[in-house]
Amino acid sequence: MKVRELTERYKDKVIALRREFHQNPELSWQEFKTAKRVEEELKKAGIETIRVTNTCVIGQIKGKAGNKVVALRADMDALPVQETNKLSYASQNDGVMHACGHDGHTAMLLVAAQILGELQDQFSGTVKLLFQPAEESIEGAKKLVEEGVLEGVDAVLAIHIWSEMPAGKVSLEAGPRFAAGDRFKIIIKGKGSHGAMPHLGTDAIVAASAIVMNLQTIVSREIDPQEAAVISIGKIKGGGNFNVICDEVVLEGTARCFNPLIQKEFPRQMERIIKNTATSFNTQAEFDYITGAPPCINDEFISKIARKSLTKLYGDKIIIPYQKTTATEDFSYFLQKVPGIIAFLGTFNKEKGIIYPHHHNQFNIDEDVLPIGTALYAQFALDFLNGAKD
């Protein structure tokens, strides 16, 4: 039996699993119940598993003799969001919600694993199943790379349900797909005084305001205008009263880009502007830059294989072009190690009320798209291991 036929046969199962995971969301590094259920389902399918870092479940399916290894990844963690959807399967964990589609990712890969287990005699090599914790905290993939889970892997595929794309459409472009995402914190220290006598103090608010504006010149004047980059201040904290010159302001923000060279230069460029601007206002500045996930860049060859796999299943009209996003994805750590891609699977469906963005308290997915992702996982693994060529 072919992959698509098996996928349709298990449509009810993938939906039921997704709803079960949606009802029981768990935060990053706390996916204990989720990991246990994943293990149970894999063992039912006769798939051997191991645990890494407490909540990561790794399964392995061996086909006929062969040395190639393909990895399929699904993230499992949820967000600290209070769900407001009125669903029979709404979150039962107060203040925690699957508001990003990871419940769907986990369900799709579980059913794909079952299908691949049934088709073991149709491929040569090994399928490695990566049920990853802590994507939302941008920690899980990096930790798994450090633990060596990608050693010996030749290619890797992930799928991300995407709220802005039409339901049932898929994007498989090569090149940058998710941005690098860094964090920073700036502390500006001045000298307090009476608001009516500012000359007796050193105003940290004025210095902070200048720093906020001057940082924007990095994007507008120091980076090639054909490169996408963002520096955003998301938090300003300072001041105690309307008539007091503020002596300390704290700024926090994020820097995003798609070019690894720009990500590398951001700290040096920002520190120069921050320190010099602070000095010009007779204040002092402390700067802490935390480098996050690198940009997520799809491999061209693997993208072509995945495209052929999906076309084989559903024809080429299911594939649409889609712009890259300045959101981050820690799958980028896998792509630094192994050639692979992350595919976008559209779920936006206005007629069904599936209209809310990721991380929204009314986020939901069109469950009719789940078989598509399931089939892509399985077909890609078969095609790669069986020697698909460009």
Foldseek 3Di string as FASTA:
>chain_A
DDLLVLLVVCLVVLVVQLLQLQQEAAAFLGCQVVQVVLVVLCVVLVWDWDDDSRRKIKTKAAAAADQAEEEEEAERHWDQAAAPDPDPSHYPDGRTGRQFCSSLQSSLQSSLSSVCSVVRHLFHHMYMYIHWGDFVVQPTVLVVVVVVPCVSHAEYEYEGAFLVDAALAKELDFWFFEKFKKKKKKKKFKFKDWLVCCVVIQASVVLVVQLQVVLVCCQVPVDDVVWDKDKDWDDKDWDDDPTMRTGMIMIMTMIITQDVVVLVCSVVVSVVSSQVSSVVSVIGMDMDMGGGAHTAGADPWLSVLLQVLLCVNPNNVSYDHDDHDHHDTSCSSVCVPHHYTYMYRYFHDVVVPQNDGGPDSHHDGDSVNSSSSSSSSNSSRRCVRRPPGD
